[in-house]
Amino acid sequence: MTIANRREAQPYWNPYLAGVLLGLVLLASYLVAGRGLGATGAFSSVASWIASLASPEHAQANAVHARYLNDGSPLTAWLVFLGIGAFVGAAISGWTAGRTRFAIEKGPRMSEGARMATAAGGGAIAAIGARVAMGCTSGQALSGGAMLNAGSLVFMGAVFAAGYTVAWILRKEWL
């Protein structure tokens, strides 16, 4: 199912300009909030808050949840607003560029159900990896990379290597 805008799509931003602007946002984040960017903290704050609603004793006794419950509501965590802002900003950007539509992007030999299943599986693996690594790819790549953390640089090298390898293996699904 595809519902496309009636406007003609605008060209993409220059990737170098977008990279410089993202770097300035990261710098502003360090100056204003005293820490870098990353999305996992927002999800952890909301999940811990939901756990505290279901079982406050368990949430406070759990070291992971307790870490995110110091202020009570997830609305006190600035990363929640970062996530909301990223979603709203992306939606506005796509809409103003005439690039919003509802569609499932897939290769010609892949069904919509298989595409949704592989996307959900990949998302679950990424979420588990982010939890085990105590951070997400955006935090590793942007914040860790900006500080030239060896672990972040190795991680991003591994992400690109794995991405190219999996793309090469699954390329027949898109041709």
N, C-alpha and C. Protein backbone atom coordinates (compact mmCIF):
# COMPACT_ATOMS: atom_id res chain seq x y z
N MET A 1 0.85 -1.18 0.00
CA MET A 1 0.00 0.00 0.00
C MET A 1 0.89 1.24 0.00
N THR A 2 0.67 2.14 -0.91
CA THR A 2 1.46 3.36 -0.99
C THR A 2 0.52 4.55 -1.11
N ILE A 3 0.75 5.53 -0.25
CA ILE A 3 0.03 6.81 -0.32
C ILE A 3 1.11 7.87 -0.46
N ALA A 4 1.27 8.44 -1.63
CA ALA A 4 2.35 9.39 -1.87
C ALA A 4 1.80 10.82 -1.84
N ASN A 5 2.67 11.74 -1.52
CA ASN A 5 2.31 13.17 -1.59
C ASN A 5 2.10 13.55 -3.05
N ARG A 6 1.33 14.58 -3.27
CA ARG A 6 1.08 15.06 -4.63
C ARG A 6 2.19 16.01 -5.09
N ARG A 7 2.99 16.52 -4.14
CA ARG A 7 4.07 17.43 -4.48
C ARG A 7 5.26 16.65 -5.02
N GLU A 8 6.07 17.34 -5.81
CA GLU A 8 7.30 16.72 -6.31
C GLU A 8 8.35 16.71 -5.20
N ALA A 9 9.04 15.58 -5.04
CA ALA A 9 10.03 15.45 -3.98
C ALA A 9 11.20 16.39 -4.22
N GLN A 10 11.65 17.02 -3.15
CA GLN A 10 12.81 17.91 -3.19
C GLN A 10 14.09 17.09 -3.11
N PRO A 11 15.20 17.62 -3.59
CA PRO A 11 16.46 16.87 -3.50
C PRO A 11 16.90 16.72 -2.04
N TYR A 12 17.68 15.66 -1.80
CA TYR A 12 18.21 15.44 -0.46
C TYR A 12 19.22 16.53 -0.11
N TRP A 13 19.44 16.73 1.18
CA TRP A 13 20.44 17.69 1.64
C TRP A 13 21.82 17.19 1.24
N ASN A 14 22.73 18.13 1.13
CA ASN A 14 24.12 17.78 0.93
C ASN A 14 24.59 17.02 2.17
N PRO A 15 25.14 15.81 2.03
CA PRO A 15 25.52 15.02 3.21
C PRO A 15 26.63 15.67 4.03
N TYR A 16 27.50 16.44 3.40
CA TYR A 16 28.57 17.11 4.15
C TYR A 16 27.99 18.24 5.01
N LEU A 17 27.05 18.99 4.46
CA LEU A 17 26.39 20.04 5.23
C LEU A 17 25.61 19.42 6.39
N ALA A 18 24.87 18.34 6.11
CA ALA A 18 24.11 17.67 7.17
C ALA A 18 25.06 17.15 8.26
N GLY A 19 26.21 16.61 7.88
CA GLY A 19 27.19 16.12 8.86
C GLY A 19 27.73 17.23 9.73
N VAL A 20 28.03 18.39 9.12
CA VAL A 20 28.51 19.53 9.89
C VAL A 20 27.43 20.01 10.86
N LEU A 21 26.19 20.08 10.39
CA LEU A 21 25.09 20.52 11.27
C LEU A 21 24.89 19.53 12.42
N LEU A 22 24.98 18.23 12.14
CA LEU A 22 24.87 17.23 13.20
C LEU A 22 26.00 17.37 14.21
N GLY A 23 27.19 17.65 13.72
CA GLY A 23 28.32 17.90 14.62
C GLY A 23 28.08 19.11 15.51
N LEU A 24 27.46 20.15 14.97
CA LEU A 24 27.16 21.33 15.78
C LEU A 24 26.09 21.03 16.83
N VAL A 25 25.13 20.18 16.47
CA VAL A 25 24.12 19.76 17.44
C VAL A 25 24.79 18.96 18.56
N LEU A 26 25.72 18.08 18.21
CA LEU A 26 26.44 17.30 19.20
C LEU A 26 27.26 18.21 20.12
N LEU A 27 27.94 19.20 19.54
CA LEU A 27 28.70 20.16 20.34
C LEU A 27 27.77 20.92 21.29
N ALA A 28 26.64 21.36 20.80
CA ALA A 28 25.68 22.07 21.64
C ALA A 28 25.17 21.17 22.76
N SER A 29 25.00 19.89 22.46
CA SER A 29 24.56 18.94 23.48
C SER A 29 25.57 18.84 24.61
N TYR A 30 26.85 18.78 24.26
CA TYR A 30 27.90 18.75 25.30
C TYR A 30 27.93 20.05 26.10
N LEU A 31 27.77 21.18 25.41
CA LEU A 31 27.83 22.46 26.10
C LEU A 31 26.62 22.71 27.00
N VAL A 32 25.43 22.33 26.53
CA VAL A 32 24.21 22.61 27.27
C VAL A 32 23.90 21.53 28.31
N ALA A 33 23.98 20.27 27.90
CA ALA A 33 23.56 19.18 28.79
C ALA A 33 24.73 18.48 29.47
N GLY A 34 25.94 18.72 28.99
CA GLY A 34 27.10 18.08 29.59
C GLY A 34 27.30 16.64 29.17
N ARG A 35 26.60 16.21 28.14
CA ARG A 35 26.75 14.84 27.63
C ARG A 35 26.37 14.79 26.17
N GLY A 36 26.75 13.68 25.53
CA GLY A 36 26.50 13.52 24.10
C GLY A 36 25.10 13.04 23.79
N LEU A 37 24.93 12.66 22.53
CA LEU A 37 23.63 12.21 22.04
C LEU A 37 23.54 10.69 22.07
N GLY A 38 22.35 10.19 22.21
CA GLY A 38 22.08 8.77 22.19
C GLY A 38 20.61 8.56 22.49
N ALA A 39 20.01 7.52 21.92
CA ALA A 39 18.57 7.32 22.06
C ALA A 39 18.18 6.27 23.08
N THR A 40 19.09 5.39 23.45
CA THR A 40 18.73 4.27 24.32
C THR A 40 18.24 4.74 25.68
N GLY A 41 18.82 5.80 26.20
CA GLY A 41 18.42 6.29 27.52
C GLY A 41 16.95 6.67 27.59
N ALA A 42 16.40 7.18 26.50
CA ALA A 42 14.98 7.55 26.49
C ALA A 42 14.11 6.31 26.64
N PHE A 43 14.41 5.28 25.89
CA PHE A 43 13.63 4.04 25.98
C PHE A 43 13.79 3.40 27.35
N SER A 44 14.99 3.46 27.91
CA SER A 44 15.23 2.90 29.25
C SER A 44 14.45 3.67 30.30
N SER A 45 14.38 4.98 30.17
CA SER A 45 13.62 5.80 31.12
C SER A 45 12.14 5.45 31.08
N VAL A 46 11.59 5.33 29.89
CA VAL A 46 10.16 5.00 29.74
C VAL A 46 9.89 3.58 30.23
N ALA A 47 10.75 2.62 29.86
CA ALA A 47 10.56 1.23 30.29
C ALA A 47 10.64 1.11 31.81
N SER A 48 11.59 1.81 32.42
CA SER A 48 11.72 1.77 33.88
C SER A 48 10.51 2.40 34.55
N TRP A 49 10.00 3.47 34.00
CA TRP A 49 8.81 4.11 34.55
C TRP A 49 7.61 3.17 34.47
N ILE A 50 7.45 2.48 33.32
CA ILE A 50 6.34 1.52 33.18
C ILE A 50 6.51 0.38 34.19
N ALA A 51 7.74 -0.11 34.36
CA ALA A 51 8.00 -1.16 35.35
C ALA A 51 7.65 -0.68 36.75
N SER A 52 7.93 0.58 37.06
CA SER A 52 7.62 1.11 38.39
C SER A 52 6.12 1.24 38.62
N LEU A 53 5.35 1.44 37.54
CA LEU A 53 3.89 1.49 37.68
C LEU A 53 3.35 0.10 38.00
N ALA A 54 3.93 -0.93 37.36
CA ALA A 54 3.48 -2.30 37.58
C ALA A 54 3.94 -2.84 38.93
N SER A 55 5.19 -2.57 39.30
CA SER A 55 5.74 -3.10 40.55
C SER A 55 6.82 -2.15 41.07
N PRO A 56 6.42 -1.17 41.86
CA PRO A 56 7.40 -0.18 42.35
C PRO A 56 8.54 -0.82 43.15
N GLU A 57 8.23 -1.85 43.94
CA GLU A 57 9.28 -2.49 44.74
C GLU A 57 10.33 -3.15 43.84
N HIS A 58 9.85 -3.85 42.83
CA HIS A 58 10.79 -4.52 41.91
C HIS A 58 11.64 -3.49 41.16
N ALA A 59 11.01 -2.44 40.68
CA ALA A 59 11.74 -1.43 39.91
C ALA A 59 12.82 -0.77 40.76
N GLN A 60 12.52 -0.46 42.00
CA GLN A 60 13.52 0.18 42.87
C GLN A 60 14.62 -0.79 43.27
N ALA A 61 14.29 -2.07 43.38
CA ALA A 61 15.29 -3.08 43.77
C ALA A 61 16.20 -3.45 42.60
N ASN A 62 15.74 -3.24 41.39
CA ASN A 62 16.52 -3.57 40.20
C ASN A 62 17.48 -2.42 39.90
N ALA A 63 18.76 -2.73 39.83
CA ALA A 63 19.78 -1.69 39.65
C ALA A 63 19.61 -0.93 38.34
N VAL A 64 19.21 -1.63 37.29
CA VAL A 64 19.05 -0.98 35.99
C VAL A 64 17.88 -0.01 36.03
N HIS A 65 16.73 -0.46 36.54
CA HIS A 65 15.56 0.41 36.60
C HIS A 65 15.78 1.56 37.58
N ALA A 66 16.36 1.27 38.73
CA ALA A 66 16.56 2.29 39.75
C ALA A 66 17.39 3.45 39.22
N ARG A 67 18.33 3.13 38.34
CA ARG A 67 19.18 4.17 37.76
C ARG A 67 18.37 5.22 36.99
N TYR A 68 17.27 4.78 36.38
CA TYR A 68 16.46 5.69 35.56
C TYR A 68 15.26 6.26 36.32
N LEU A 69 15.07 5.85 37.58
CA LEU A 69 13.89 6.28 38.32
C LEU A 69 14.17 7.37 39.35
N ASN A 70 15.34 7.94 39.34
CA ASN A 70 15.69 8.94 40.35
C ASN A 70 14.71 10.09 40.39
N ASP A 71 14.24 10.52 39.23
CA ASP A 71 13.35 11.67 39.18
C ASP A 71 11.88 11.29 39.07
N GLY A 72 11.58 10.00 38.99
CA GLY A 72 10.19 9.55 38.93
C GLY A 72 9.64 9.44 37.53
N SER A 73 9.27 10.54 36.92
CA SER A 73 8.64 10.54 35.61
C SER A 73 9.67 10.54 34.49
N PRO A 74 9.38 9.82 33.39
CA PRO A 74 10.31 9.88 32.25
C PRO A 74 10.35 11.26 31.60
N LEU A 75 9.38 12.09 31.91
CA LEU A 75 9.36 13.44 31.33
C LEU A 75 10.43 14.35 31.93
N THR A 76 11.14 13.87 32.95
CA THR A 76 12.26 14.64 33.50
C THR A 76 13.57 14.26 32.83
N ALA A 77 13.56 13.25 31.96
CA ALA A 77 14.77 12.81 31.26
C ALA A 77 14.84 13.55 29.92
N TRP A 78 15.89 14.30 29.71
CA TRP A 78 15.99 15.10 28.49
C TRP A 78 16.10 14.23 27.25
N LEU A 79 16.59 12.97 27.40
CA LEU A 79 16.70 12.09 26.23
C LEU A 79 15.33 11.69 25.69
N VAL A 80 14.30 11.69 26.55
CA VAL A 80 12.94 11.42 26.07
C VAL A 80 12.54 12.53 25.10
N PHE A 81 12.84 13.76 25.46
CA PHE A 81 12.50 14.88 24.58
C PHE A 81 13.39 14.89 23.33
N LEU A 82 14.61 14.40 23.46
CA LEU A 82 15.48 14.24 22.28
C LEU A 82 14.83 13.28 21.29
N GLY A 83 14.33 12.15 21.79
CA GLY A 83 13.67 11.18 20.93
C GLY A 83 12.41 11.72 20.28
N ILE A 84 11.60 12.42 21.07
CA ILE A 84 10.38 13.03 20.53
C ILE A 84 10.74 14.07 19.48
N GLY A 85 11.73 14.90 19.78
CA GLY A 85 12.17 15.93 18.84
C GLY A 85 12.72 15.34 17.55
N ALA A 86 13.47 14.23 17.66
CA ALA A 86 14.00 13.59 16.46
C ALA A 86 12.87 13.07 15.58
N PHE A 87 11.85 12.47 16.20
CA PHE A 87 10.71 11.96 15.44
C PHE A 87 9.95 13.11 14.76
N VAL A 88 9.64 14.15 15.54
CA VAL A 88 8.89 15.29 15.00
C VAL A 88 9.71 16.00 13.91
N GLY A 89 11.00 16.19 14.16
CA GLY A 89 11.86 16.84 13.17
C GLY A 89 11.94 16.04 11.87
N ALA A 90 12.07 14.72 11.99
CA ALA A 90 12.12 13.88 10.79
C ALA A 90 10.79 13.94 10.03
N ALA A 91 9.69 13.95 10.76
CA ALA A 91 8.38 14.02 10.11
C ALA A 91 8.20 15.35 9.37
N ILE A 92 8.60 16.44 10.01
CA ILE A 92 8.48 17.76 9.37
C ILE A 92 9.41 17.84 8.16
N SER A 93 10.63 17.34 8.31
CA SER A 93 11.58 17.37 7.20
C SER A 93 11.06 16.58 6.01
N GLY A 94 10.57 15.38 6.26
CA GLY A 94 10.03 14.56 5.17
C GLY A 94 8.82 15.19 4.52
N TRP A 95 7.95 15.78 5.32
CA TRP A 95 6.75 16.39 4.79
C TRP A 95 7.07 17.61 3.94
N THR A 96 7.97 18.48 4.45
CA THR A 96 8.29 19.70 3.69
C THR A 96 9.07 19.38 2.41
N ALA A 97 9.79 18.25 2.39
CA ALA A 97 10.52 17.86 1.18
C ALA A 97 9.66 17.03 0.23
N GLY A 98 8.42 16.78 0.60
CA GLY A 98 7.54 16.00 -0.26
C GLY A 98 7.93 14.52 -0.31
N ARG A 99 8.51 14.00 0.75
CA ARG A 99 8.98 12.62 0.76
C ARG A 99 8.24 11.73 1.75
N THR A 100 7.11 12.16 2.26
CA THR A 100 6.36 11.31 3.19
C THR A 100 5.39 10.43 2.42
N ARG A 101 5.36 9.19 2.81
CA ARG A 101 4.41 8.24 2.24
C ARG A 101 4.38 7.02 3.14
N PHE A 102 3.32 6.28 3.08
CA PHE A 102 3.21 5.03 3.83
C PHE A 102 3.50 3.90 2.85
N ALA A 103 4.59 3.20 3.07
CA ALA A 103 4.97 2.12 2.18
C ALA A 103 5.88 1.15 2.92
N ILE A 104 5.92 -0.06 2.44
CA ILE A 104 6.86 -1.05 2.95
C ILE A 104 7.89 -1.25 1.85
N GLU A 105 9.11 -0.80 2.11
CA GLU A 105 10.18 -0.93 1.14
C GLU A 105 10.70 -2.36 1.16
N LYS A 106 10.72 -3.00 0.02
CA LYS A 106 11.16 -4.39 -0.05
C LYS A 106 11.65 -4.71 -1.44
N GLY A 107 12.39 -5.78 -1.52
CA GLY A 107 12.86 -6.25 -2.82
C GLY A 107 11.76 -6.98 -3.57
N PRO A 108 11.95 -7.21 -4.87
CA PRO A 108 10.90 -7.84 -5.67
C PRO A 108 10.65 -9.30 -5.30
N ARG A 109 11.63 -9.97 -4.68
CA ARG A 109 11.46 -11.38 -4.32
C ARG A 109 11.11 -11.56 -2.84
N MET A 110 10.74 -10.51 -2.18
CA MET A 110 10.43 -10.59 -0.75
C MET A 110 9.00 -10.12 -0.52
N SER A 111 8.25 -10.89 0.23
CA SER A 111 6.87 -10.51 0.54
C SER A 111 6.88 -9.42 1.61
N GLU A 112 5.75 -8.73 1.73
CA GLU A 112 5.64 -7.69 2.76
C GLU A 112 5.77 -8.32 4.15
N GLY A 113 5.19 -9.50 4.34
CA GLY A 113 5.29 -10.17 5.63
C GLY A 113 6.72 -10.53 5.98
N ALA A 114 7.47 -11.05 4.98
CA ALA A 114 8.87 -11.40 5.22
C ALA A 114 9.68 -10.15 5.53
N ARG A 115 9.40 -9.06 4.85
CA ARG A 115 10.12 -7.81 5.10
C ARG A 115 9.85 -7.32 6.51
N MET A 116 8.61 -7.37 6.94
CA MET A 116 8.26 -6.93 8.29
C MET A 116 8.91 -7.84 9.33
N ALA A 117 8.94 -9.14 9.06
CA ALA A 117 9.55 -10.09 10.00
C ALA A 117 11.06 -9.86 10.10
N THR A 118 11.72 -9.65 8.98
CA THR A 118 13.17 -9.42 9.03
C THR A 118 13.49 -8.08 9.69
N ALA A 119 12.65 -7.08 9.45
CA ALA A 119 12.86 -5.78 10.10
C ALA A 119 12.66 -5.90 11.61
N ALA A 120 11.63 -6.62 12.04
CA ALA A 120 11.38 -6.81 13.47
C ALA A 120 12.51 -7.62 14.10
N GLY A 121 12.97 -8.66 13.41
CA GLY A 121 14.08 -9.45 13.93
C GLY A 121 15.35 -8.64 14.06
N GLY A 122 15.66 -7.86 13.04
CA GLY A 122 16.85 -7.00 13.09
C GLY A 122 16.73 -5.95 14.18
N GLY A 123 15.55 -5.39 14.35
CA GLY A 123 15.34 -4.41 15.41
C GLY A 123 15.50 -5.03 16.79
N ALA A 124 15.00 -6.25 16.96
CA ALA A 124 15.14 -6.94 18.26
C ALA A 124 16.61 -7.23 18.55
N ILE A 125 17.35 -7.68 17.56
CA ILE A 125 18.77 -7.95 17.74
C ILE A 125 19.51 -6.65 18.10
N ALA A 126 19.18 -5.56 17.40
CA ALA A 126 19.82 -4.27 17.70
C ALA A 126 19.47 -3.80 19.10
N ALA A 127 18.23 -3.99 19.52
CA ALA A 127 17.82 -3.57 20.87
C ALA A 127 18.55 -4.37 21.94
N ILE A 128 18.66 -5.68 21.73
CA ILE A 128 19.39 -6.51 22.69
C ILE A 128 20.86 -6.10 22.73
N GLY A 129 21.43 -5.86 21.57
CA GLY A 129 22.83 -5.42 21.52
C GLY A 129 23.04 -4.08 22.22
N ALA A 130 22.10 -3.16 22.03
CA ALA A 130 22.21 -1.85 22.68
C ALA A 130 22.11 -1.99 24.20
N ARG A 131 21.27 -2.90 24.65
CA ARG A 131 21.13 -3.10 26.10
C ARG A 131 22.39 -3.75 26.67
N VAL A 132 22.91 -4.76 25.97
CA VAL A 132 24.12 -5.44 26.43
C VAL A 132 25.31 -4.47 26.43
N ALA A 133 25.40 -3.64 25.39
CA ALA A 133 26.52 -2.70 25.28
C ALA A 133 26.32 -1.46 26.14
N MET A 134 25.15 -1.34 26.77
CA MET A 134 24.80 -0.18 27.58
C MET A 134 24.86 1.11 26.77
N GLY A 135 24.40 1.05 25.55
CA GLY A 135 24.35 2.22 24.69
C GLY A 135 23.90 1.83 23.30
N CYS A 136 23.53 2.80 22.52
CA CYS A 136 23.02 2.52 21.18
C CYS A 136 24.04 2.95 20.12
N THR A 137 23.74 2.64 18.88
CA THR A 137 24.66 2.99 17.81
C THR A 137 24.84 4.49 17.67
N SER A 138 23.78 5.25 17.91
CA SER A 138 23.93 6.70 17.79
C SER A 138 24.85 7.23 18.89
N GLY A 139 24.71 6.70 20.09
CA GLY A 139 25.60 7.11 21.17
C GLY A 139 27.03 6.69 20.90
N GLN A 140 27.21 5.47 20.39
CA GLN A 140 28.55 4.98 20.08
C GLN A 140 29.17 5.80 18.94
N ALA A 141 28.43 5.93 17.85
CA ALA A 141 28.98 6.59 16.67
C ALA A 141 29.19 8.08 16.88
N LEU A 142 28.16 8.75 17.36
CA LEU A 142 28.25 10.20 17.50
C LEU A 142 29.07 10.62 18.70
N SER A 143 28.60 10.24 19.88
CA SER A 143 29.26 10.70 21.10
C SER A 143 30.62 10.04 21.29
N GLY A 144 30.66 8.71 21.20
CA GLY A 144 31.93 8.01 21.37
C GLY A 144 32.92 8.32 20.26
N GLY A 145 32.43 8.39 19.03
CA GLY A 145 33.31 8.72 17.91
C GLY A 145 33.87 10.13 18.00
N ALA A 146 33.04 11.07 18.47
CA ALA A 146 33.50 12.46 18.63
C ALA A 146 34.61 12.56 19.67
N MET A 147 34.57 11.67 20.65
CA MET A 147 35.61 11.67 21.69
C MET A 147 36.75 10.72 21.33
N LEU A 148 36.70 10.15 20.13
CA LEU A 148 37.71 9.22 19.62
C LEU A 148 37.93 8.03 20.56
N ASN A 149 36.84 7.54 21.17
CA ASN A 149 36.92 6.34 21.99
C ASN A 149 37.29 5.15 21.11
N ALA A 150 38.31 4.42 21.50
CA ALA A 150 38.74 3.27 20.71
C ALA A 150 37.61 2.26 20.55
N GLY A 151 36.86 1.99 21.63
CA GLY A 151 35.76 1.04 21.55
C GLY A 151 34.69 1.47 20.56
N SER A 152 34.40 2.77 20.51
CA SER A 152 33.39 3.29 19.58
C SER A 152 33.87 3.16 18.14
N LEU A 153 35.14 3.45 17.91
CA LEU A 153 35.67 3.34 16.55
C LEU A 153 35.69 1.89 16.08
N VAL A 154 36.07 0.97 16.97
CA VAL A 154 36.05 -0.46 16.63
C VAL A 154 34.61 -0.91 16.38
N PHE A 155 33.70 -0.46 17.24
CA PHE A 155 32.29 -0.82 17.09
C PHE A 155 31.76 -0.36 15.73
N MET A 156 32.01 0.88 15.36
CA MET A 156 31.49 1.38 14.08
C MET A 156 32.13 0.66 12.90
N GLY A 157 33.42 0.32 13.01
CA GLY A 157 34.04 -0.50 11.97
C GLY A 157 33.35 -1.84 11.83
N ALA A 158 33.02 -2.46 12.97
CA ALA A 158 32.31 -3.74 12.95
C ALA A 158 30.91 -3.59 12.37
N VAL A 159 30.22 -2.49 12.69
CA VAL A 159 28.89 -2.25 12.14
C VAL A 159 28.94 -2.16 10.62
N PHE A 160 29.89 -1.39 10.09
CA PHE A 160 30.00 -1.26 8.65
C PHE A 160 30.39 -2.58 7.99
N ALA A 161 31.32 -3.30 8.60
CA ALA A 161 31.74 -4.60 8.05
C ALA A 161 30.57 -5.58 8.03
N ALA A 162 29.82 -5.64 9.13
CA ALA A 162 28.67 -6.54 9.19
C ALA A 162 27.59 -6.10 8.21
N GLY A 163 27.34 -4.80 8.11
CA GLY A 163 26.34 -4.29 7.18
C GLY A 163 26.67 -4.63 5.74
N TYR A 164 27.91 -4.42 5.33
CA TYR A 164 28.31 -4.75 3.97
C TYR A 164 28.24 -6.26 3.72
N THR A 165 28.62 -7.05 4.72
CA THR A 165 28.58 -8.51 4.57
C THR A 165 27.15 -9.00 4.41
N VAL A 166 26.26 -8.54 5.28
CA VAL A 166 24.87 -8.97 5.21
C VAL A 166 24.22 -8.46 3.92
N ALA A 167 24.54 -7.23 3.51
CA ALA A 167 23.99 -6.70 2.26
C ALA A 167 24.44 -7.55 1.07
N TRP A 168 25.70 -7.99 1.09
CA TRP A 168 26.20 -8.82 0.00
C TRP A 168 25.48 -10.17 -0.01
N ILE A 169 25.25 -10.74 1.17
CA ILE A 169 24.57 -12.03 1.25
C ILE A 169 23.12 -11.93 0.82
N LEU A 170 22.44 -10.86 1.20
CA LEU A 170 21.01 -10.71 0.91
C LEU A 170 20.71 -9.91 -0.34
N ARG A 171 21.71 -9.56 -1.12
CA ARG A 171 21.50 -8.70 -2.27
C ARG A 171 20.51 -9.29 -3.29
N LYS A 172 20.44 -10.61 -3.36
CA LYS A 172 19.53 -11.24 -4.33
C LYS A 172 18.08 -10.91 -4.03
N GLU A 173 17.77 -10.59 -2.76
CA GLU A 173 16.39 -10.24 -2.41
C GLU A 173 15.98 -8.88 -2.96
N TRP A 174 16.95 -8.05 -3.35
CA TRP A 174 16.65 -6.70 -3.79
C TRP A 174 16.87 -6.51 -5.28
N LEU A 175 17.40 -7.50 -5.95
CA LEU A 175 17.69 -7.36 -7.39
C LEU A 175 16.56 -7.87 -8.24
